[in-house]
Amino acid sequence: MDVDEHVCILKEMARERNVKRIVVDSISAFETGMPDKQKYTDFIWGMADFFKTQGISLLLTQESCNLFGTPKISDHGISYIADNILLIQYIRKEFELHRFINVLKMRGSGHDNRMKELIIGDKGPVVLDRPGWNNGSDASGCASADVQ
C-alpha cells in the first residue's frame, strides 16, 4: 500500500471512530518507502500536524539500527516535529541486556534527564529508578513507579 493511502485510511478511521490516540509502529516503514528526504519530512510533518489540529495524540515509533552505541533519532532530521521524544535503548550489564528509557525532549516542560530502567512484564511496563546504574554502585533497593 502506498504511504499516502495508508495515512488517508488512518484519517478516515480516526474520524469514523472518534479516536483520541493513534500509534504508528513504525515510521521506519514509511522512511523505507520514501527515499526522498524532503518528501518524507513533509509527509511526517503533515501527518503530525493533521492529527494535532484534530486533537488526536499521535505516537510514532522508529526502529534504530544501532543497538549499542550512540543513538540516532532519524536519518532525515524530523525530531523538530515531535513535542516529546522518548529513547528506549539496551545496555549490557555483565551478561544481561537491560532496557532503559529516557526523555530526550519534552516541549514546553522541564523533565528528568536521567535514564531509568524499563521493564515490560506480565502486568505491563514499569519504570525503575535505580541510582546505582548511574554511578556504578549496587542496583539494589530501587523504587518503582507504574507507567500510566
N, C-alpha and C. Protein backbone atom coordinates (compact mmCIF):
# COMPACT_ATOMS: atom_id res chain seq x y z
N MET A 1 0.84 -1.18 0.00
CA MET A 1 0.00 0.00 0.00
C MET A 1 0.89 1.24 0.00
N ASP A 2 0.54 2.22 -0.79
CA ASP A 2 1.25 3.49 -0.85
C ASP A 2 1.12 4.21 0.50
N VAL A 3 2.16 4.91 0.93
CA VAL A 3 2.14 5.57 2.23
C VAL A 3 1.06 6.64 2.32
N ASP A 4 0.81 7.34 1.22
CA ASP A 4 -0.25 8.34 1.22
C ASP A 4 -1.62 7.69 1.44
N GLU A 5 -1.84 6.54 0.81
CA GLU A 5 -3.09 5.79 1.01
C GLU A 5 -3.23 5.36 2.46
N HIS A 6 -2.11 4.93 3.03
CA HIS A 6 -2.11 4.47 4.42
C HIS A 6 -2.59 5.58 5.35
N VAL A 7 -2.07 6.79 5.17
CA VAL A 7 -2.45 7.91 6.02
C VAL A 7 -3.89 8.32 5.76
N CYS A 8 -4.34 8.26 4.52
CA CYS A 8 -5.76 8.56 4.22
C CYS A 8 -6.68 7.61 4.98
N ILE A 9 -6.31 6.34 5.02
CA ILE A 9 -7.10 5.35 5.75
C ILE A 9 -7.08 5.67 7.25
N LEU A 10 -5.90 6.04 7.78
CA LEU A 10 -5.81 6.42 9.19
C LEU A 10 -6.72 7.61 9.51
N LYS A 11 -6.70 8.62 8.65
CA LYS A 11 -7.53 9.81 8.86
C LYS A 11 -9.01 9.45 8.85
N GLU A 12 -9.40 8.63 7.88
CA GLU A 12 -10.80 8.22 7.76
C GLU A 12 -11.24 7.42 8.99
N MET A 13 -10.42 6.47 9.40
CA MET A 13 -10.75 5.65 10.57
C MET A 13 -10.82 6.51 11.84
N ALA A 14 -9.93 7.49 11.95
CA ALA A 14 -9.93 8.36 13.12
C ALA A 14 -11.23 9.16 13.19
N ARG A 15 -11.69 9.66 12.06
CA ARG A 15 -12.96 10.41 12.02
C ARG A 15 -14.15 9.51 12.35
N GLU A 16 -14.19 8.34 11.69
CA GLU A 16 -15.32 7.43 11.87
C GLU A 16 -15.44 6.94 13.31
N ARG A 17 -14.33 6.68 13.94
CA ARG A 17 -14.33 6.07 15.29
C ARG A 17 -14.12 7.08 16.41
N ASN A 18 -13.95 8.35 16.04
CA ASN A 18 -13.75 9.41 17.03
C ASN A 18 -12.61 9.07 18.01
N VAL A 19 -11.48 8.64 17.46
CA VAL A 19 -10.35 8.24 18.30
C VAL A 19 -9.64 9.46 18.89
N LYS A 20 -8.97 9.25 19.99
CA LYS A 20 -8.20 10.31 20.65
C LYS A 20 -6.70 10.07 20.58
N ARG A 21 -6.31 8.81 20.28
CA ARG A 21 -4.89 8.46 20.21
C ARG A 21 -4.66 7.51 19.04
N ILE A 22 -3.54 7.71 18.35
CA ILE A 22 -3.13 6.82 17.25
C ILE A 22 -1.67 6.46 17.47
N VAL A 23 -1.36 5.18 17.27
CA VAL A 23 0.02 4.71 17.35
C VAL A 23 0.41 4.19 15.98
N VAL A 24 1.50 4.70 15.45
CA VAL A 24 2.05 4.20 14.19
C VAL A 24 3.36 3.51 14.53
N ASP A 25 3.36 2.19 14.39
CA ASP A 25 4.52 1.37 14.74
C ASP A 25 4.93 0.59 13.50
N SER A 26 5.76 1.08 12.79
CA SER A 26 6.78 2.08 12.98
C SER A 26 6.84 2.97 11.74
N ILE A 27 7.34 4.20 11.94
CA ILE A 27 7.52 5.07 10.78
C ILE A 27 8.74 4.67 9.97
N SER A 28 9.49 3.73 10.46
CA SER A 28 10.64 3.21 9.70
C SER A 28 10.18 2.65 8.37
N ALA A 29 8.98 2.05 8.34
CA ALA A 29 8.44 1.52 7.08
C ALA A 29 8.13 2.65 6.11
N PHE A 30 7.62 3.77 6.61
CA PHE A 30 7.37 4.93 5.75
C PHE A 30 8.68 5.45 5.19
N GLU A 31 9.69 5.51 6.05
CA GLU A 31 11.00 6.01 5.64
C GLU A 31 11.58 5.16 4.52
N THR A 32 11.42 3.84 4.64
CA THR A 32 11.91 2.94 3.60
C THR A 32 11.17 3.17 2.29
N GLY A 33 9.88 3.46 2.39
CA GLY A 33 9.07 3.67 1.19
C GLY A 33 9.25 5.03 0.54
N MET A 34 10.02 5.92 1.19
CA MET A 34 10.24 7.27 0.65
C MET A 34 11.71 7.64 0.71
N PRO A 35 12.46 7.30 -0.29
CA PRO A 35 13.88 7.64 -0.25
C PRO A 35 14.16 9.14 -0.36
N ASP A 36 13.18 9.92 -0.85
CA ASP A 36 13.34 11.37 -0.97
C ASP A 36 13.19 12.00 0.41
N LYS A 37 14.28 12.54 0.94
CA LYS A 37 14.30 13.11 2.29
C LYS A 37 13.25 14.19 2.47
N GLN A 38 13.13 15.10 1.54
CA GLN A 38 12.18 16.21 1.68
C GLN A 38 10.74 15.71 1.68
N LYS A 39 10.43 14.76 0.81
CA LYS A 39 9.06 14.22 0.77
C LYS A 39 8.74 13.51 2.08
N TYR A 40 9.68 12.74 2.61
CA TYR A 40 9.48 12.03 3.87
C TYR A 40 9.25 13.02 5.01
N THR A 41 10.09 14.05 5.12
CA THR A 41 9.96 15.06 6.16
C THR A 41 8.61 15.76 6.05
N ASP A 42 8.23 16.16 4.84
CA ASP A 42 6.93 16.82 4.62
C ASP A 42 5.78 15.89 4.99
N PHE A 43 5.91 14.63 4.65
CA PHE A 43 4.88 13.64 4.93
C PHE A 43 4.67 13.48 6.44
N ILE A 44 5.76 13.30 7.18
CA ILE A 44 5.66 13.12 8.64
C ILE A 44 5.11 14.39 9.27
N TRP A 45 5.60 15.55 8.84
CA TRP A 45 5.11 16.82 9.38
C TRP A 45 3.62 16.98 9.10
N GLY A 46 3.20 16.70 7.88
CA GLY A 46 1.79 16.83 7.51
C GLY A 46 0.89 15.91 8.33
N MET A 47 1.34 14.66 8.51
CA MET A 47 0.56 13.70 9.28
C MET A 47 0.46 14.17 10.74
N ALA A 48 1.57 14.58 11.34
CA ALA A 48 1.58 15.03 12.73
C ALA A 48 0.72 16.28 12.90
N ASP A 49 0.84 17.21 11.98
CA ASP A 49 0.08 18.45 12.05
C ASP A 49 -1.42 18.19 11.93
N PHE A 50 -1.80 17.31 11.01
CA PHE A 50 -3.23 16.99 10.83
C PHE A 50 -3.83 16.45 12.12
N PHE A 51 -3.18 15.44 12.70
CA PHE A 51 -3.74 14.83 13.90
C PHE A 51 -3.71 15.79 15.09
N LYS A 52 -2.67 16.61 15.17
CA LYS A 52 -2.59 17.59 16.26
C LYS A 52 -3.75 18.58 16.17
N THR A 53 -4.04 19.08 14.97
CA THR A 53 -5.14 20.03 14.81
C THR A 53 -6.50 19.39 15.06
N GLN A 54 -6.59 18.08 14.93
CA GLN A 54 -7.83 17.35 15.21
C GLN A 54 -7.95 16.98 16.70
N GLY A 55 -6.93 17.30 17.49
CA GLY A 55 -6.94 16.97 18.91
C GLY A 55 -6.65 15.50 19.17
N ILE A 56 -5.96 14.87 18.24
CA ILE A 56 -5.63 13.45 18.35
C ILE A 56 -4.14 13.31 18.67
N SER A 57 -3.83 12.61 19.74
CA SER A 57 -2.43 12.36 20.09
C SER A 57 -1.86 11.31 19.15
N LEU A 58 -0.69 11.56 18.66
CA LEU A 58 -0.04 10.66 17.71
C LEU A 58 1.27 10.17 18.31
N LEU A 59 1.39 8.86 18.44
CA LEU A 59 2.61 8.24 18.94
C LEU A 59 3.27 7.53 17.76
N LEU A 60 4.48 7.97 17.43
CA LEU A 60 5.23 7.37 16.34
C LEU A 60 6.42 6.63 16.92
N THR A 61 6.65 5.41 16.48
CA THR A 61 7.85 4.69 16.88
C THR A 61 8.78 4.61 15.68
N GLN A 62 10.05 4.51 15.97
CA GLN A 62 11.03 4.36 14.91
C GLN A 62 12.12 3.42 15.36
N GLU A 63 12.40 2.46 14.52
CA GLU A 63 13.45 1.49 14.80
C GLU A 63 14.82 2.12 14.61
N SER A 64 15.72 1.75 15.49
CA SER A 64 17.09 2.21 15.36
C SER A 64 17.97 1.01 15.04
N CYS A 65 18.83 1.17 14.07
CA CYS A 65 19.73 0.08 13.69
C CYS A 65 20.90 -0.05 14.64
N ASN A 66 21.14 0.96 15.45
CA ASN A 66 22.28 0.97 16.34
C ASN A 66 21.86 0.48 17.72
N LEU A 67 22.02 -0.81 17.97
CA LEU A 67 21.56 -1.41 19.22
C LEU A 67 22.36 -0.95 20.42
N PHE A 68 23.68 -0.84 20.28
CA PHE A 68 24.51 -0.46 21.43
C PHE A 68 25.34 0.75 21.12
N GLY A 69 25.31 1.75 20.99
CA GLY A 69 26.19 2.85 20.71
C GLY A 69 25.39 4.11 20.81
N THR A 70 25.90 5.13 20.20
CA THR A 70 25.24 6.42 20.23
C THR A 70 23.95 6.34 19.42
N PRO A 71 22.82 6.64 20.05
CA PRO A 71 21.55 6.56 19.32
C PRO A 71 21.41 7.65 18.27
N LYS A 72 20.70 7.32 17.23
CA LYS A 72 20.42 8.25 16.15
C LYS A 72 18.91 8.33 16.02
N ILE A 73 18.36 9.51 16.17
CA ILE A 73 16.90 9.67 16.17
C ILE A 73 16.32 9.41 14.78
N SER A 74 16.93 9.97 13.76
CA SER A 74 16.39 9.79 12.41
C SER A 74 17.47 10.10 11.38
N ASP A 75 17.37 9.45 10.25
CA ASP A 75 18.27 9.78 9.14
C ASP A 75 17.82 11.05 8.42
N HIS A 76 16.59 11.50 8.71
CA HIS A 76 16.02 12.62 7.97
C HIS A 76 15.75 13.86 8.81
N GLY A 77 16.27 13.93 10.01
CA GLY A 77 16.14 15.14 10.81
C GLY A 77 14.71 15.58 11.07
N ILE A 78 13.88 14.70 11.58
CA ILE A 78 12.48 15.05 11.81
C ILE A 78 12.15 15.28 13.28
N SER A 79 13.15 15.29 14.16
CA SER A 79 12.86 15.41 15.59
C SER A 79 12.21 16.74 15.94
N TYR A 80 12.39 17.78 15.14
CA TYR A 80 11.77 19.08 15.42
C TYR A 80 10.24 19.00 15.35
N ILE A 81 9.72 18.00 14.67
CA ILE A 81 8.27 17.83 14.52
C ILE A 81 7.64 17.37 15.83
N ALA A 82 8.37 16.59 16.60
CA ALA A 82 7.83 15.98 17.81
C ALA A 82 7.78 16.94 18.98
N ASP A 83 6.71 16.85 19.75
CA ASP A 83 6.62 17.60 21.00
C ASP A 83 7.42 16.90 22.10
N ASN A 84 7.45 15.57 22.04
CA ASN A 84 8.15 14.77 23.04
C ASN A 84 8.92 13.66 22.34
N ILE A 85 10.11 13.37 22.84
CA ILE A 85 10.89 12.26 22.31
C ILE A 85 11.38 11.42 23.47
N LEU A 86 11.02 10.15 23.43
CA LEU A 86 11.49 9.18 24.41
C LEU A 86 12.44 8.23 23.70
N LEU A 87 13.53 7.91 24.34
CA LEU A 87 14.50 6.99 23.76
C LEU A 87 14.53 5.73 24.60
N ILE A 88 14.33 4.60 23.96
CA ILE A 88 14.47 3.31 24.63
C ILE A 88 15.70 2.65 24.04
N GLN A 89 16.61 2.24 24.91
CA GLN A 89 17.83 1.60 24.43
C GLN A 89 18.23 0.46 25.35
N TYR A 90 19.06 -0.40 24.82
CA TYR A 90 19.54 -1.56 25.57
C TYR A 90 20.95 -1.29 26.07
N ILE A 91 21.21 -1.70 27.30
CA ILE A 91 22.54 -1.57 27.89
C ILE A 91 22.93 -2.93 28.46
N ARG A 92 24.15 -3.32 28.16
CA ARG A 92 24.68 -4.59 28.70
C ARG A 92 25.23 -4.34 30.09
N LYS A 93 24.86 -5.19 31.00
CA LYS A 93 25.46 -5.20 32.34
C LYS A 93 25.82 -6.64 32.60
N GLU A 94 27.12 -6.90 32.62
CA GLU A 94 27.65 -8.25 32.72
C GLU A 94 27.11 -9.07 31.54
N PHE A 95 26.34 -10.11 31.80
CA PHE A 95 25.88 -10.96 30.70
C PHE A 95 24.38 -10.81 30.44
N GLU A 96 23.82 -9.69 30.83
CA GLU A 96 22.39 -9.46 30.62
C GLU A 96 22.17 -8.16 29.87
N LEU A 97 21.08 -8.12 29.12
CA LEU A 97 20.64 -6.90 28.48
C LEU A 97 19.54 -6.28 29.33
N HIS A 98 19.62 -4.98 29.51
CA HIS A 98 18.61 -4.25 30.26
C HIS A 98 18.09 -3.13 29.36
N ARG A 99 16.79 -2.91 29.43
CA ARG A 99 16.14 -1.88 28.61
C ARG A 99 16.03 -0.62 29.46
N PHE A 100 16.43 0.52 28.88
CA PHE A 100 16.36 1.80 29.58
C PHE A 100 15.58 2.80 28.75
N ILE A 101 14.95 3.73 29.45
CA ILE A 101 14.18 4.79 28.79
C ILE A 101 14.64 6.13 29.35
N ASN A 102 14.67 7.12 28.50
CA ASN A 102 14.87 8.47 28.99
C ASN A 102 14.21 9.46 28.06
N VAL A 103 13.89 10.61 28.65
CA VAL A 103 13.22 11.68 27.91
C VAL A 103 14.31 12.53 27.27
N LEU A 104 14.30 12.58 25.94
CA LEU A 104 15.27 13.43 25.24
C LEU A 104 14.71 14.83 25.04
N LYS A 105 13.38 14.90 24.88
CA LYS A 105 12.76 16.19 24.59
C LYS A 105 11.34 16.18 25.14
N MET A 106 10.96 17.28 25.80
CA MET A 106 9.59 17.46 26.24
C MET A 106 9.29 18.94 26.07
N ARG A 107 8.69 19.26 24.95
CA ARG A 107 8.46 20.66 24.59
C ARG A 107 7.60 21.37 25.63
N GLY A 108 8.09 22.53 26.07
CA GLY A 108 7.32 23.35 27.00
C GLY A 108 7.31 22.87 28.43
N SER A 109 8.18 21.94 28.77
CA SER A 109 8.17 21.40 30.13
C SER A 109 9.57 20.93 30.52
N GLY A 110 9.88 21.11 31.78
CA GLY A 110 11.12 20.55 32.30
C GLY A 110 10.94 19.05 32.46
N HIS A 111 12.03 18.32 32.45
CA HIS A 111 11.94 16.87 32.61
C HIS A 111 13.23 16.32 33.20
N ASP A 112 13.11 15.13 33.74
CA ASP A 112 14.24 14.42 34.31
C ASP A 112 15.10 13.89 33.17
N ASN A 113 16.37 14.19 33.18
CA ASN A 113 17.28 13.75 32.12
C ASN A 113 17.93 12.40 32.37
N ARG A 114 17.65 11.81 33.53
CA ARG A 114 18.29 10.54 33.87
C ARG A 114 17.64 9.37 33.14
N MET A 115 18.47 8.39 32.83
CA MET A 115 17.97 7.14 32.25
C MET A 115 17.33 6.32 33.36
N LYS A 116 16.24 5.66 33.04
CA LYS A 116 15.54 4.80 34.00
C LYS A 116 15.38 3.43 33.37
N GLU A 117 15.50 2.41 34.19
CA GLU A 117 15.31 1.06 33.66
C GLU A 117 13.82 0.84 33.36
N LEU A 118 13.56 0.26 32.21
CA LEU A 118 12.20 -0.03 31.76
C LEU A 118 12.03 -1.54 31.69
N ILE A 119 11.10 -2.05 32.47
CA ILE A 119 10.81 -3.48 32.45
C ILE A 119 9.40 -3.65 31.93
N ILE A 120 9.26 -4.48 30.91
CA ILE A 120 7.94 -4.79 30.37
C ILE A 120 7.63 -6.22 30.76
N GLY A 121 6.71 -6.36 31.69
CA GLY A 121 6.38 -7.68 32.22
C GLY A 121 4.93 -8.04 31.99
N ASP A 122 4.48 -9.07 32.69
CA ASP A 122 3.11 -9.56 32.55
C ASP A 122 2.07 -8.51 32.93
N LYS A 123 2.43 -7.60 33.82
CA LYS A 123 1.48 -6.57 34.27
C LYS A 123 1.67 -5.24 33.56
N GLY A 124 2.46 -5.24 32.49
CA GLY A 124 2.69 -4.02 31.73
C GLY A 124 4.04 -3.41 32.02
N PRO A 125 4.26 -2.18 31.51
CA PRO A 125 5.56 -1.53 31.69
C PRO A 125 5.72 -0.93 33.09
N VAL A 126 6.93 -1.02 33.61
CA VAL A 126 7.29 -0.43 34.90
C VAL A 126 8.63 0.27 34.71
N VAL A 127 8.72 1.50 35.19
CA VAL A 127 9.96 2.26 35.13
C VAL A 127 10.59 2.25 36.51
N LEU A 128 11.84 1.80 36.59
CA LEU A 128 12.56 1.69 37.85
C LEU A 128 13.57 2.82 37.98
N ASP A 129 13.65 3.37 39.15
CA ASP A 129 14.65 4.39 39.43
C ASP A 129 15.79 3.69 40.17
N ARG A 130 16.85 3.39 39.46
CA ARG A 130 17.99 2.66 40.03
C ARG A 130 19.21 3.56 40.02
N PRO A 131 19.41 4.31 41.07
CA PRO A 131 20.56 5.22 41.09
C PRO A 131 21.89 4.52 40.94
N GLY A 132 21.99 3.26 41.34
CA GLY A 132 23.24 2.52 41.23
C GLY A 132 23.72 2.36 39.80
N TRP A 133 22.79 2.41 38.84
CA TRP A 133 23.18 2.27 37.44
C TRP A 133 23.97 3.48 36.97
N ASN A 134 23.68 4.63 37.53
CA ASN A 134 24.34 5.84 37.07
C ASN A 134 25.75 6.02 37.63
N ASN A 135 26.01 5.46 38.84
CA ASN A 135 27.32 5.68 39.43
C ASN A 135 28.13 4.40 39.61
N GLY A 136 27.63 3.27 39.09
CA GLY A 136 28.37 2.03 39.14
C GLY A 136 28.23 1.25 40.43
N SER A 137 27.47 1.76 41.42
CA SER A 137 27.30 1.03 42.67
C SER A 137 26.20 -0.02 42.52
N ASP A 138 25.90 -0.70 43.61
CA ASP A 138 24.90 -1.77 43.60
C ASP A 138 23.53 -1.22 43.22
N ALA A 139 22.78 -1.97 42.40
CA ALA A 139 21.48 -1.51 41.92
C ALA A 139 20.32 -1.99 42.78
N SER A 140 20.60 -2.47 43.98
CA SER A 140 19.50 -2.95 44.83
C SER A 140 18.79 -1.79 45.50
N GLY A 141 17.63 -2.07 46.06
CA GLY A 141 16.87 -1.05 46.77
C GLY A 141 16.27 -0.02 45.86
N CYS A 142 15.73 -0.45 44.74
CA CYS A 142 15.19 0.51 43.78
C CYS A 142 13.75 0.85 44.11
N ALA A 143 13.35 2.05 43.74
CA ALA A 143 11.95 2.46 43.86
C ALA A 143 11.36 2.34 42.46
N SER A 144 10.10 1.99 42.37
CA SER A 144 9.48 1.87 41.05
C SER A 144 8.20 2.66 40.98
N ALA A 145 7.82 2.99 39.76
CA ALA A 145 6.55 3.66 39.51
C ALA A 145 5.94 3.06 38.28
N ASP A 146 4.65 2.76 38.35
CA ASP A 146 3.96 2.22 37.18
C ASP A 146 3.79 3.31 36.14
N VAL A 147 3.92 2.93 34.88
CA VAL A 147 3.71 3.86 33.78
C VAL A 147 2.24 3.85 33.43
N GLN A 148 1.65 5.02 33.36
CA GLN A 148 0.22 5.11 33.01
C GLN A 148 0.08 5.54 31.59
